[in-house]
Amino acid sequence: MEEIKKLWVLIDYVQEKAKKAEVGTPEHRALLNEWNDLLNKQYELLESKYKKS
């Protein structure tokens, strides 16, 4: 559960950085990709946690 909480913090941080980046720039796209990767990782962790239950 601790790892899921850490991911939320990272997701929020990356999301805020993406909001401030200029849309369409390589930096913005990279941040969106990172944000998506973090969300996917979090989904996998949650899915595995609840499958064990």
PDB file of N, CA and C in Angstrom:
ATOM      1  N   MET A   1       0.828  -1.206   0.000  1.00  0.00           N
ATOM      2  CA  MET A   1       0.000   0.000   0.000  1.00  0.00           C
ATOM      3  C   MET A   1       0.861   1.254   0.000  1.00  0.00           C
ATOM      4  N   GLU A   2       2.018   1.161   0.638  1.00  0.00           N
ATOM      5  CA  GLU A   2       2.922   2.313   0.700  1.00  0.00           C
ATOM      6  C   GLU A   2       3.397   2.714  -0.699  1.00  0.00           C
ATOM      7  N   GLU A   3       3.657   1.718  -1.527  1.00  0.00           N
ATOM      8  CA  GLU A   3       4.118   2.012  -2.893  1.00  0.00           C
ATOM      9  C   GLU A   3       3.032   2.725  -3.693  1.00  0.00           C
ATOM     10  N   ILE A   4       1.789   2.367  -3.458  1.00  0.00           N
ATOM     11  CA  ILE A   4       0.668   3.017  -4.140  1.00  0.00           C
ATOM     12  C   ILE A   4       0.579   4.486  -3.727  1.00  0.00           C
ATOM     13  N   LYS A   5       0.789   4.757  -2.444  1.00  0.00           N
ATOM     14  CA  LYS A   5       0.761   6.141  -1.963  1.00  0.00           C
ATOM     15  C   LYS A   5       1.889   6.958  -2.581  1.00  0.00           C
ATOM     16  N   LYS A   6       3.079   6.352  -2.696  1.00  0.00           N
ATOM     17  CA  LYS A   6       4.213   7.040  -3.324  1.00  0.00           C
ATOM     18  C   LYS A   6       3.920   7.339  -4.790  1.00  0.00           C
ATOM     19  N   LEU A   7       3.263   6.398  -5.454  1.00  0.00           N
ATOM     20  CA  LEU A   7       2.908   6.628  -6.855  1.00  0.00           C
ATOM     21  C   LEU A   7       1.943   7.793  -7.002  1.00  0.00           C
ATOM     22  N   TRP A   8       0.980   7.915  -6.071  1.00  0.00           N
ATOM     23  CA  TRP A   8       0.042   9.037  -6.130  1.00  0.00           C
ATOM     24  C   TRP A   8       0.787  10.371  -6.060  1.00  0.00           C
ATOM     25  N   VAL A   9       1.782  10.437  -5.188  1.00  0.00           N
ATOM     26  CA  VAL A   9       2.563  11.670  -5.050  1.00  0.00           C
ATOM     27  C   VAL A   9       3.292  11.966  -6.367  1.00  0.00           C
ATOM     28  N   LEU A  10       3.905  10.946  -6.943  1.00  0.00           N
ATOM     29  CA  LEU A  10       4.606  11.130  -8.223  1.00  0.00           C
ATOM     30  C   LEU A  10       3.646  11.524  -9.337  1.00  0.00           C
ATOM     31  N   ILE A  11       2.496  10.875  -9.370  1.00  0.00           N
ATOM     32  CA  ILE A  11       1.495  11.183 -10.400  1.00  0.00           C
ATOM     33  C   ILE A  11       1.054  12.628 -10.288  1.00  0.00           C
ATOM     34  N   ASP A  12       0.767  13.084  -9.074  1.00  0.00           N
ATOM     35  CA  ASP A  12       0.360  14.479  -8.871  1.00  0.00           C
ATOM     36  C   ASP A  12       1.457  15.449  -9.298  1.00  0.00           C
ATOM     37  N   TYR A  13       2.696  15.113  -8.945  1.00  0.00           N
ATOM     38  CA  TYR A  13       3.834  15.973  -9.289  1.00  0.00           C
ATOM     39  C   TYR A  13       3.995  16.089 -10.806  1.00  0.00           C
ATOM     40  N   VAL A  14       3.968  14.962 -11.486  1.00  0.00           N
ATOM     41  CA  VAL A  14       4.136  14.970 -12.946  1.00  0.00           C
ATOM     42  C   VAL A  14       2.956  15.671 -13.607  1.00  0.00           C
ATOM     43  N   GLN A  15       1.766  15.454 -13.088  1.00  0.00           N
ATOM     44  CA  GLN A  15       0.588  16.108 -13.654  1.00  0.00           C
ATOM     45  C   GLN A  15       0.690  17.632 -13.536  1.00  0.00           C
ATOM     46  N   GLU A  16       1.145  18.125 -12.398  1.00  0.00           N
ATOM     47  CA  GLU A  16       1.301  19.570 -12.215  1.00  0.00           C
ATOM     48  C   GLU A  16       2.363  20.142 -13.164  1.00  0.00           C
ATOM     49  N   LYS A  17       3.457  19.407 -13.334  1.00  0.00           N
ATOM     50  CA  LYS A  17       4.491  19.857 -14.263  1.00  0.00           C
ATOM     51  C   LYS A  17       3.957  19.891 -15.696  1.00  0.00           C
ATOM     52  N   ALA A  18       3.152  18.896 -16.051  1.00  0.00           N
ATOM     53  CA  ALA A  18       2.584  18.836 -17.403  1.00  0.00           C
ATOM     54  C   ALA A  18       1.617  19.991 -17.641  1.00  0.00           C
ATOM     55  N   LYS A  19       0.873  20.368 -16.602  1.00  0.00           N
ATOM     56  CA  LYS A  19      -0.060  21.495 -16.735  1.00  0.00           C
ATOM     57  C   LYS A  19       0.679  22.792 -17.029  1.00  0.00           C
ATOM     58  N   LYS A  20       1.887  22.924 -16.487  1.00  0.00           N
ATOM     59  CA  LYS A  20       2.655  24.159 -16.645  1.00  0.00           C
ATOM     60  C   LYS A  20       3.474  24.182 -17.934  1.00  0.00           C
ATOM     61  N   ALA A  21       3.706  23.020 -18.520  1.00  0.00           N
ATOM     62  CA  ALA A  21       4.509  22.941 -19.743  1.00  0.00           C
ATOM     63  C   ALA A  21       3.675  23.413 -20.939  1.00  0.00           C
ATOM     64  N   GLU A  22       4.366  23.952 -21.925  1.00  0.00           N
ATOM     65  CA  GLU A  22       3.682  24.420 -23.131  1.00  0.00           C
ATOM     66  C   GLU A  22       3.196  23.217 -23.933  1.00  0.00           C
ATOM     67  N   VAL A  23       1.903  23.242 -24.261  1.00  0.00           N
ATOM     68  CA  VAL A  23       1.280  22.126 -24.967  1.00  0.00           C
ATOM     69  C   VAL A  23       1.933  21.937 -26.342  1.00  0.00           C
ATOM     70  N   GLY A  24       2.198  20.692 -26.666  1.00  0.00           N
ATOM     71  CA  GLY A  24       2.757  20.356 -27.979  1.00  0.00           C
ATOM     72  C   GLY A  24       4.271  20.292 -28.016  1.00  0.00           C
ATOM     73  N   THR A  25       4.919  20.691 -26.941  1.00  0.00           N
ATOM     74  CA  THR A  25       6.382  20.649 -26.921  1.00  0.00           C
ATOM     75  C   THR A  25       6.847  19.240 -26.556  1.00  0.00           C
ATOM     76  N   PRO A  26       8.084  18.922 -26.898  1.00  0.00           N
ATOM     77  CA  PRO A  26       8.607  17.604 -26.512  1.00  0.00           C
ATOM     78  C   PRO A  26       8.562  17.381 -24.998  1.00  0.00           C
ATOM     79  N   GLU A  27       8.805  18.436 -24.223  1.00  0.00           N
ATOM     80  CA  GLU A  27       8.752  18.326 -22.767  1.00  0.00           C
ATOM     81  C   GLU A  27       7.343  17.926 -22.312  1.00  0.00           C
ATOM     82  N   HIS A  28       6.332  18.556 -22.881  1.00  0.00           N
ATOM     83  CA  HIS A  28       4.946  18.273 -22.522  1.00  0.00           C
ATOM     84  C   HIS A  28       4.588  16.829 -22.868  1.00  0.00           C
ATOM     85  N   ARG A  29       4.969  16.387 -24.059  1.00  0.00           N
ATOM     86  CA  ARG A  29       4.687  15.009 -24.464  1.00  0.00           C
ATOM     87  C   ARG A  29       5.404  14.010 -23.560  1.00  0.00           C
ATOM     88  N   ALA A  30       6.648  14.308 -23.200  1.00  0.00           N
ATOM     89  CA  ALA A  30       7.414  13.419 -22.321  1.00  0.00           C
ATOM     90  C   ALA A  30       6.747  13.315 -20.944  1.00  0.00           C
ATOM     91  N   LEU A  31       6.271  14.442 -20.436  1.00  0.00           N
ATOM     92  CA  LEU A  31       5.586  14.443 -19.140  1.00  0.00           C
ATOM     93  C   LEU A  31       4.285  13.646 -19.209  1.00  0.00           C
ATOM     94  N   LEU A  32       3.550  13.794 -20.303  1.00  0.00           N
ATOM     95  CA  LEU A  32       2.312  13.027 -20.455  1.00  0.00           C
ATOM     96  C   LEU A  32       2.604  11.534 -20.547  1.00  0.00           C
ATOM     97  N   ASN A  33       3.667  11.169 -21.237  1.00  0.00           N
ATOM     98  CA  ASN A  33       4.049   9.762 -21.326  1.00  0.00           C
ATOM     99  C   ASN A  33       4.439   9.214 -19.954  1.00  0.00           C
ATOM    100  N   GLU A  34       5.199  10.006 -19.206  1.00  0.00           N
ATOM    101  CA  GLU A  34       5.603   9.584 -17.862  1.00  0.00           C
ATOM    102  C   GLU A  34       4.379   9.437 -16.958  1.00  0.00           C
ATOM    103  N   TRP A  35       3.455  10.384 -17.060  1.00  0.00           N
ATOM    104  CA  TRP A  35       2.227  10.363 -16.275  1.00  0.00           C
ATOM    105  C   TRP A  35       1.428   9.096 -16.598  1.00  0.00           C
ATOM    106  N   ASN A  36       1.317   8.786 -17.880  1.00  0.00           N
ATOM    107  CA  ASN A  36       0.602   7.591 -18.319  1.00  0.00           C
ATOM    108  C   ASN A  36       1.277   6.313 -17.792  1.00  0.00           C
ATOM    109  N   ASP A  37       2.592   6.269 -17.860  1.00  0.00           N
ATOM    110  CA  ASP A  37       3.328   5.103 -17.356  1.00  0.00           C
ATOM    111  C   ASP A  37       3.093   4.903 -15.860  1.00  0.00           C
ATOM    112  N   LEU A  38       3.102   6.001 -15.116  1.00  0.00           N
ATOM    113  CA  LEU A  38       2.856   5.914 -13.667  1.00  0.00           C
ATOM    114  C   LEU A  38       1.437   5.438 -13.367  1.00  0.00           C
ATOM    115  N   LEU A  39       0.468   5.932 -14.129  1.00  0.00           N
ATOM    116  CA  LEU A  39      -0.916   5.489 -13.935  1.00  0.00           C
ATOM    117  C   LEU A  39      -1.055   4.003 -14.244  1.00  0.00           C
ATOM    118  N   ASN A  40      -0.399   3.543 -15.301  1.00  0.00           N
ATOM    119  CA  ASN A  40      -0.450   2.125 -15.648  1.00  0.00           C
ATOM    120  C   ASN A  40       0.179   1.268 -14.556  1.00  0.00           C
ATOM    121  N   LYS A  41       1.303   1.725 -14.022  1.00  0.00           N
ATOM    122  CA  LYS A  41       1.972   0.983 -12.952  1.00  0.00           C
ATOM    123  C   LYS A  41       1.074   0.911 -11.722  1.00  0.00           C
ATOM    124  N   GLN A  42       0.440   2.023 -11.400  1.00  0.00           N
ATOM    125  CA  GLN A  42      -0.450   2.046 -10.243  1.00  0.00           C
ATOM    126  C   GLN A  42      -1.634   1.105 -10.458  1.00  0.00           C
ATOM    127  N   TYR A  43      -2.182   1.098 -11.651  1.00  0.00           N
ATOM    128  CA  TYR A  43      -3.292   0.206 -11.967  1.00  0.00           C
ATOM    129  C   TYR A  43      -2.874  -1.253 -11.777  1.00  0.00           C
ATOM    130  N   GLU A  44      -1.694  -1.601 -12.259  1.00  0.00           N
ATOM    131  CA  GLU A  44      -1.193  -2.971 -12.121  1.00  0.00           C
ATOM    132  C   GLU A  44      -1.016  -3.349 -10.647  1.00  0.00           C
ATOM    133  N   LEU A  45      -0.496  -2.421  -9.855  1.00  0.00           N
ATOM    134  CA  LEU A  45      -0.330  -2.697  -8.421  1.00  0.00           C
ATOM    135  C   LEU A  45      -1.678  -2.907  -7.733  1.00  0.00           C
ATOM    136  N   LEU A  46      -2.637  -2.050  -8.041  1.00  0.00           N
ATOM    137  CA  LEU A  46      -3.963  -2.179  -7.440  1.00  0.00           C
ATOM    138  C   LEU A  46      -4.642  -3.466  -7.890  1.00  0.00           C
ATOM    139  N   GLU A  47      -4.507  -3.767  -9.158  1.00  0.00           N
ATOM    140  CA  GLU A  47      -5.114  -4.983  -9.702  1.00  0.00           C
ATOM    141  C   GLU A  47      -4.535  -6.231  -9.020  1.00  0.00           C
ATOM    142  N   SER A  48      -3.234  -6.269  -8.875  1.00  0.00           N
ATOM    143  CA  SER A  48      -2.602  -7.436  -8.238  1.00  0.00           C
ATOM    144  C   SER A  48      -2.984  -7.524  -6.759  1.00  0.00           C
ATOM    145  N   LYS A  49      -3.109  -6.380  -6.104  1.00  0.00           N
ATOM    146  CA  LYS A  49      -3.496  -6.373  -4.688  1.00  0.00           C
ATOM    147  C   LYS A  49      -4.887  -6.945  -4.502  1.00  0.00           C
ATOM    148  N   TYR A  50      -5.836  -6.553  -5.360  1.00  0.00           N
ATOM    149  CA  TYR A  50      -7.210  -6.995  -5.185  1.00  0.00           C
ATOM    150  C   TYR A  50      -7.437  -8.399  -5.733  1.00  0.00           C
ATOM    151  N   LYS A  51      -6.590  -8.862  -6.635  1.00  0.00           N
ATOM    152  CA  LYS A  51      -6.709 -10.254  -7.089  1.00  0.00           C
ATOM    153  C   LYS A  51      -6.278 -11.218  -5.986  1.00  0.00           C
ATOM    154  N   LYS A  52      -5.351 -10.781  -5.138  1.00  0.00           N
ATOM    155  CA  LYS A  52      -4.897 -11.603  -4.029  1.00  0.00           C
ATOM    156  C   LYS A  52      -5.968 -11.732  -2.956  1.00  0.00           C
ATOM    157  N   SER A  53      -6.831 -10.740  -2.865  1.00  0.00           N
ATOM    158  CA  SER A  53      -7.865 -10.718  -1.810  1.00  0.00           C
ATOM    159  C   SER A  53      -8.948 -11.741  -2.043  1.00  0.00           C
TER     160      SER A  53
END
